[in-house]
């Protein structure tokens, strides 16, 4: 798993044949899905995360009729979530500004606040 600072709300799970080759597949999903899945079954569709036991967490990936389950130590997943959450807090103002820009682009210029 990896986390990119320019996409602070997502994580990437790369599947490698060897360390020296590019990934054969990369799944991108919400870091919050991973965090919630440590505690209770979460997710719909292609990616689901759930506790397997007290010490393990499963990430289930579905693509068409194919699927796989990646089982990880919950402590490692928890550490990853904690490390990436710090990155989100650092980028919080950038995220807010980016969301504001996106909303301004999506909403017509004539839309006014409901309180106006």
N, C-alpha and C. Protein backbone atom coordinates (compact mmCIF):
# COMPACT_ATOMS: atom_id res chain seq x y z
N UNK A 1 0.85 -1.17 0.00
CA UNK A 1 0.00 0.00 0.00
C UNK A 1 0.89 1.23 0.00
N UNK A 2 0.35 2.26 -0.63
CA UNK A 2 1.08 3.53 -0.63
C UNK A 2 0.08 4.67 -0.63
N UNK A 3 0.59 5.83 -0.29
CA UNK A 3 -0.22 7.02 -0.14
C UNK A 3 0.52 8.16 -0.84
N UNK A 4 -0.20 8.94 -1.63
CA UNK A 4 0.41 10.07 -2.32
C UNK A 4 -0.07 11.37 -1.69
N UNK A 5 0.83 12.25 -1.31
CA UNK A 5 0.43 13.51 -0.68
C UNK A 5 -0.51 14.36 -1.54
N UNK A 6 -0.41 14.25 -2.88
CA UNK A 6 -1.29 15.06 -3.72
C UNK A 6 -2.69 14.46 -3.87
N UNK A 7 -2.92 13.28 -3.28
CA UNK A 7 -4.24 12.65 -3.25
C UNK A 7 -4.47 12.13 -1.83
N UNK A 8 -4.62 13.03 -0.86
CA UNK A 8 -4.57 12.65 0.56
C UNK A 8 -5.73 11.80 1.07
N UNK A 9 -6.81 11.69 0.32
CA UNK A 9 -7.95 10.92 0.80
C UNK A 9 -7.96 9.49 0.27
N UNK A 10 -6.98 9.14 -0.57
CA UNK A 10 -6.96 7.82 -1.20
C UNK A 10 -5.69 7.06 -0.84
N UNK A 11 -5.79 5.75 -0.93
CA UNK A 11 -4.61 4.90 -0.83
C UNK A 11 -4.56 4.06 -2.08
N UNK A 12 -3.38 3.57 -2.37
CA UNK A 12 -3.18 2.71 -3.53
C UNK A 12 -2.61 1.39 -3.07
N UNK A 13 -3.18 0.33 -3.60
CA UNK A 13 -2.68 -1.01 -3.30
C UNK A 13 -2.13 -1.56 -4.60
N UNK A 14 -0.80 -1.69 -4.67
CA UNK A 14 -0.13 -2.19 -5.87
C UNK A 14 0.09 -3.69 -5.75
N UNK A 15 -0.08 -4.37 -6.88
CA UNK A 15 0.21 -5.80 -6.96
C UNK A 15 1.42 -5.98 -7.86
N UNK A 16 2.49 -6.51 -7.29
CA UNK A 16 3.77 -6.63 -7.98
C UNK A 16 4.10 -8.08 -8.26
N UNK A 17 4.75 -8.33 -9.39
CA UNK A 17 5.32 -9.64 -9.66
C UNK A 17 6.71 -9.70 -9.05
N UNK A 18 7.50 -8.65 -9.31
CA UNK A 18 8.80 -8.48 -8.67
C UNK A 18 8.94 -7.03 -8.27
N UNK A 19 9.85 -6.75 -7.36
CA UNK A 19 10.04 -5.38 -6.91
C UNK A 19 10.60 -4.47 -7.99
N UNK A 20 11.29 -5.04 -8.97
CA UNK A 20 11.94 -4.24 -10.00
C UNK A 20 11.06 -3.93 -11.20
N UNK A 21 9.84 -4.45 -11.22
CA UNK A 21 8.92 -4.21 -12.33
C UNK A 21 7.76 -3.35 -11.86
N UNK A 22 7.12 -2.65 -12.80
CA UNK A 22 5.94 -1.86 -12.42
C UNK A 22 4.82 -2.79 -11.95
N UNK A 23 3.87 -2.26 -11.18
CA UNK A 23 2.75 -3.09 -10.72
C UNK A 23 1.96 -3.66 -11.89
N UNK A 24 1.46 -4.89 -11.71
CA UNK A 24 0.57 -5.47 -12.72
C UNK A 24 -0.84 -4.95 -12.56
N UNK A 25 -1.15 -4.46 -11.37
CA UNK A 25 -2.46 -3.87 -11.10
C UNK A 25 -2.33 -2.92 -9.91
N UNK A 26 -3.12 -1.86 -9.93
CA UNK A 26 -3.18 -0.93 -8.81
C UNK A 26 -4.65 -0.64 -8.53
N UNK A 27 -5.03 -0.84 -7.28
CA UNK A 27 -6.39 -0.52 -6.83
C UNK A 27 -6.31 0.76 -6.02
N UNK A 28 -7.21 1.69 -6.28
CA UNK A 28 -7.27 2.96 -5.55
C UNK A 28 -8.60 3.01 -4.82
N UNK A 29 -8.54 3.25 -3.51
CA UNK A 29 -9.77 3.36 -2.73
C UNK A 29 -9.57 4.28 -1.54
N UNK A 30 -10.64 4.60 -0.88
CA UNK A 30 -10.66 5.57 0.21
C UNK A 30 -9.89 5.08 1.43
N UNK A 31 -9.09 5.96 1.97
CA UNK A 31 -8.37 5.66 3.20
C UNK A 31 -9.37 5.48 4.36
N UNK A 32 -10.46 6.23 4.33
CA UNK A 32 -11.48 6.09 5.37
C UNK A 32 -12.14 4.71 5.31
N UNK A 33 -12.31 4.15 4.11
CA UNK A 33 -12.84 2.79 3.98
C UNK A 33 -11.91 1.81 4.69
N UNK A 34 -10.62 1.98 4.48
CA UNK A 34 -9.64 1.11 5.13
C UNK A 34 -9.70 1.27 6.65
N UNK A 35 -9.78 2.50 7.12
CA UNK A 35 -9.82 2.76 8.57
C UNK A 35 -11.08 2.18 9.21
N UNK A 36 -12.23 2.37 8.57
CA UNK A 36 -13.48 1.85 9.10
C UNK A 36 -13.48 0.33 9.08
N UNK A 37 -12.91 -0.26 8.02
CA UNK A 37 -12.85 -1.71 7.89
C UNK A 37 -12.03 -2.39 8.97
N UNK A 38 -11.19 -1.65 9.66
CA UNK A 38 -10.46 -2.22 10.81
C UNK A 38 -11.41 -2.56 11.94
N UNK A 39 -12.55 -1.86 12.00
CA UNK A 39 -13.48 -1.99 13.12
C UNK A 39 -14.71 -2.81 12.75
N UNK A 40 -15.27 -2.54 11.54
CA UNK A 40 -16.48 -3.24 11.12
C UNK A 40 -16.49 -3.39 9.61
N UNK A 41 -17.24 -4.38 9.08
CA UNK A 41 -17.29 -4.57 7.63
C UNK A 41 -17.74 -3.30 6.92
N UNK A 42 -16.99 -2.91 5.88
CA UNK A 42 -17.26 -1.66 5.18
C UNK A 42 -17.07 -1.84 3.69
N UNK A 43 -17.75 -1.00 2.94
CA UNK A 43 -17.57 -0.98 1.50
C UNK A 43 -18.68 -1.67 0.75
N UNK A 44 -18.89 -1.19 -0.45
CA UNK A 44 -19.86 -1.77 -1.37
C UNK A 44 -19.20 -1.82 -2.73
N UNK A 45 -19.57 -2.77 -3.54
CA UNK A 45 -19.02 -2.80 -4.88
C UNK A 45 -17.69 -3.51 -4.96
N UNK A 46 -16.73 -2.86 -5.60
CA UNK A 46 -15.46 -3.50 -5.94
C UNK A 46 -14.50 -3.69 -4.78
N UNK A 47 -14.60 -2.86 -3.75
CA UNK A 47 -13.66 -2.94 -2.62
C UNK A 47 -14.44 -3.01 -1.32
N UNK A 48 -14.10 -4.02 -0.53
CA UNK A 48 -14.70 -4.20 0.79
C UNK A 48 -13.58 -4.49 1.79
N UNK A 49 -13.72 -3.94 2.98
CA UNK A 49 -12.71 -4.15 4.02
C UNK A 49 -13.44 -4.60 5.27
N UNK A 50 -12.86 -5.60 5.96
CA UNK A 50 -13.52 -6.12 7.17
C UNK A 50 -12.48 -6.74 8.09
N UNK A 51 -12.79 -6.72 9.39
CA UNK A 51 -11.92 -7.46 10.30
C UNK A 51 -12.04 -8.96 10.02
N UNK A 52 -10.94 -9.67 10.04
CA UNK A 52 -10.97 -11.12 9.90
C UNK A 52 -10.92 -11.77 11.27
N UNK A 53 -10.12 -11.19 12.13
CA UNK A 53 -9.98 -11.65 13.51
C UNK A 53 -9.50 -10.44 14.30
N UNK A 54 -9.15 -10.65 15.55
CA UNK A 54 -8.65 -9.53 16.34
C UNK A 54 -7.36 -8.96 15.77
N UNK A 55 -6.58 -9.81 15.09
CA UNK A 55 -5.25 -9.41 14.64
C UNK A 55 -5.12 -9.24 13.13
N UNK A 56 -6.18 -9.55 12.36
CA UNK A 56 -6.07 -9.49 10.91
C UNK A 56 -7.24 -8.74 10.29
N UNK A 57 -6.95 -8.11 9.14
CA UNK A 57 -7.95 -7.37 8.39
C UNK A 57 -7.92 -7.86 6.94
N UNK A 58 -9.10 -8.06 6.35
CA UNK A 58 -9.21 -8.49 4.97
C UNK A 58 -9.61 -7.32 4.08
N UNK A 59 -8.96 -7.22 2.93
CA UNK A 59 -9.37 -6.31 1.87
C UNK A 59 -9.80 -7.19 0.70
N UNK A 60 -11.08 -7.13 0.35
CA UNK A 60 -11.62 -7.94 -0.73
C UNK A 60 -11.76 -7.07 -1.97
N UNK A 61 -11.19 -7.53 -3.08
CA UNK A 61 -11.20 -6.80 -4.34
C UNK A 61 -11.96 -7.63 -5.37
N UNK A 62 -12.94 -7.01 -6.03
CA UNK A 62 -13.78 -7.71 -7.00
C UNK A 62 -13.68 -7.01 -8.35
N UNK A 63 -13.46 -7.80 -9.40
CA UNK A 63 -13.43 -7.26 -10.75
C UNK A 63 -14.13 -8.26 -11.67
N UNK A 64 -15.34 -7.92 -12.06
CA UNK A 64 -16.12 -8.86 -12.87
C UNK A 64 -16.40 -10.11 -12.07
N UNK A 65 -16.02 -11.26 -12.62
CA UNK A 65 -16.23 -12.53 -11.91
C UNK A 65 -15.00 -12.92 -11.09
N UNK A 66 -13.94 -12.15 -11.19
CA UNK A 66 -12.71 -12.45 -10.43
C UNK A 66 -12.70 -11.67 -9.12
N UNK A 67 -12.12 -12.27 -8.11
CA UNK A 67 -11.98 -11.58 -6.84
C UNK A 67 -10.77 -12.13 -6.10
N UNK A 68 -10.27 -11.33 -5.17
CA UNK A 68 -9.20 -11.82 -4.31
C UNK A 68 -9.35 -11.17 -2.95
N UNK A 69 -8.81 -11.82 -1.96
CA UNK A 69 -8.81 -11.29 -0.60
C UNK A 69 -7.35 -11.14 -0.17
N UNK A 70 -7.01 -9.95 0.27
CA UNK A 70 -5.68 -9.69 0.79
C UNK A 70 -5.82 -9.58 2.31
N UNK A 71 -5.15 -10.46 3.01
CA UNK A 71 -5.23 -10.49 4.47
C UNK A 71 -3.96 -9.85 5.04
N UNK A 72 -4.15 -8.86 5.93
CA UNK A 72 -3.02 -8.12 6.49
C UNK A 72 -3.12 -8.08 8.00
N UNK A 73 -1.98 -7.89 8.62
CA UNK A 73 -1.96 -7.70 10.07
C UNK A 73 -2.64 -6.36 10.39
N UNK A 74 -3.63 -6.40 11.27
CA UNK A 74 -4.37 -5.19 11.61
C UNK A 74 -3.47 -4.11 12.18
N UNK A 75 -2.45 -4.49 12.94
CA UNK A 75 -1.53 -3.50 13.51
C UNK A 75 -0.82 -2.72 12.40
N UNK A 76 -0.42 -3.42 11.33
CA UNK A 76 0.24 -2.75 10.21
C UNK A 76 -0.72 -1.80 9.49
N UNK A 77 -1.95 -2.24 9.30
CA UNK A 77 -2.95 -1.40 8.64
C UNK A 77 -3.23 -0.17 9.51
N UNK A 78 -3.39 -0.37 10.80
CA UNK A 78 -3.64 0.74 11.73
C UNK A 78 -2.49 1.75 11.68
N UNK A 79 -1.25 1.27 11.68
CA UNK A 79 -0.09 2.16 11.61
C UNK A 79 -0.11 2.97 10.30
N UNK A 80 -0.44 2.30 9.20
CA UNK A 80 -0.51 2.97 7.91
C UNK A 80 -1.57 4.08 7.94
N UNK A 81 -2.75 3.77 8.48
CA UNK A 81 -3.83 4.75 8.56
C UNK A 81 -3.40 5.95 9.42
N UNK A 82 -2.74 5.69 10.52
CA UNK A 82 -2.29 6.78 11.40
C UNK A 82 -1.27 7.65 10.67
N UNK A 83 -0.32 7.04 9.99
CA UNK A 83 0.70 7.82 9.27
C UNK A 83 0.07 8.67 8.17
N UNK A 84 -0.91 8.13 7.46
CA UNK A 84 -1.52 8.88 6.37
C UNK A 84 -2.51 9.92 6.88
N UNK A 85 -3.09 9.70 8.03
CA UNK A 85 -4.00 10.70 8.60
C UNK A 85 -3.23 11.98 8.92
N UNK A 86 -2.02 11.87 9.38
CA UNK A 86 -1.20 13.04 9.64
C UNK A 86 -0.99 13.84 8.37
N UNK A 87 -0.81 13.15 7.25
CA UNK A 87 -0.65 13.83 5.97
C UNK A 87 -1.92 14.60 5.61
N UNK A 88 -3.09 14.02 5.89
CA UNK A 88 -4.35 14.70 5.60
C UNK A 88 -4.49 15.96 6.43
N UNK A 89 -4.18 15.89 7.71
CA UNK A 89 -4.28 17.06 8.56
C UNK A 89 -3.37 18.17 8.06
N UNK A 90 -2.19 17.79 7.58
CA UNK A 90 -1.25 18.76 7.04
C UNK A 90 -1.81 19.41 5.78
N UNK A 91 -2.53 18.63 4.99
CA UNK A 91 -3.06 19.11 3.71
C UNK A 91 -4.48 19.64 3.84
N UNK A 92 -5.02 19.71 5.03
CA UNK A 92 -6.42 20.09 5.24
C UNK A 92 -6.82 21.37 4.53
N UNK A 93 -6.01 22.41 4.64
CA UNK A 93 -6.35 23.68 4.01
C UNK A 93 -6.32 23.55 2.49
N UNK A 94 -5.38 22.77 1.95
CA UNK A 94 -5.33 22.56 0.51
C UNK A 94 -6.57 21.81 0.03
N UNK A 95 -7.03 20.84 0.82
CA UNK A 95 -8.23 20.08 0.46
C UNK A 95 -9.44 21.00 0.43
N UNK A 96 -9.59 21.83 1.46
CA UNK A 96 -10.72 22.75 1.51
C UNK A 96 -10.70 23.71 0.32
N UNK A 97 -9.53 24.23 -0.02
CA UNK A 97 -9.43 25.15 -1.15
C UNK A 97 -9.76 24.44 -2.46
N UNK A 98 -9.28 23.20 -2.62
CA UNK A 98 -9.56 22.44 -3.84
C UNK A 98 -11.06 22.16 -3.96
N UNK A 99 -11.71 21.80 -2.85
CA UNK A 99 -13.16 21.55 -2.88
C UNK A 99 -13.92 22.82 -3.23
N UNK A 100 -13.50 23.94 -2.66
CA UNK A 100 -14.14 25.21 -2.99
C UNK A 100 -14.02 25.52 -4.48
N UNK A 101 -12.82 25.30 -5.06
CA UNK A 101 -12.62 25.54 -6.49
C UNK A 101 -13.52 24.63 -7.33
N UNK A 102 -13.60 23.35 -6.95
CA UNK A 102 -14.43 22.41 -7.70
C UNK A 102 -15.90 22.82 -7.65
N UNK A 103 -16.37 23.23 -6.49
CA UNK A 103 -17.77 23.65 -6.37
C UNK A 103 -18.05 24.88 -7.21
N UNK A 104 -17.11 25.82 -7.22
CA UNK A 104 -17.29 27.03 -8.03
C UNK A 104 -17.37 26.68 -9.52
N UNK A 105 -16.60 25.67 -9.95
CA UNK A 105 -16.62 25.26 -11.35
C UNK A 105 -17.92 24.52 -11.70
N UNK A 106 -18.45 23.75 -10.75
CA UNK A 106 -19.64 22.94 -11.01
C UNK A 106 -20.93 23.74 -10.93
N UNK A 107 -20.98 24.69 -10.01
CA UNK A 107 -22.23 25.44 -9.81
C UNK A 107 -22.32 26.60 -10.80
N UNK A 108 -23.52 26.83 -11.34
CA UNK A 108 -23.69 27.96 -12.25
C UNK A 108 -23.43 29.28 -11.50
N UNK A 109 -22.98 30.27 -12.22
CA UNK A 109 -22.63 31.56 -11.61
C UNK A 109 -23.83 32.20 -10.91
N UNK A 110 -25.05 31.91 -11.38
CA UNK A 110 -26.23 32.55 -10.81
C UNK A 110 -26.75 31.91 -9.52
N UNK A 111 -26.18 30.79 -9.09
CA UNK A 111 -26.69 30.13 -7.89
C UNK A 111 -26.28 30.94 -6.68
N UNK A 112 -27.24 31.20 -5.81
CA UNK A 112 -26.96 31.97 -4.59
C UNK A 112 -27.20 31.08 -3.37
N UNK A 113 -26.63 31.46 -2.27
CA UNK A 113 -26.81 30.79 -1.01
C UNK A 113 -28.30 30.80 -0.66
N UNK A 114 -28.79 29.70 -0.11
CA UNK A 114 -30.22 29.58 0.24
C UNK A 114 -30.65 30.63 1.25
N UNK A 115 -29.70 31.14 2.04
CA UNK A 115 -30.03 32.16 3.05
C UNK A 115 -30.14 33.54 2.44
N UNK A 116 -29.67 33.72 1.21
CA UNK A 116 -29.67 35.05 0.58
C UNK A 116 -31.02 35.39 0.02
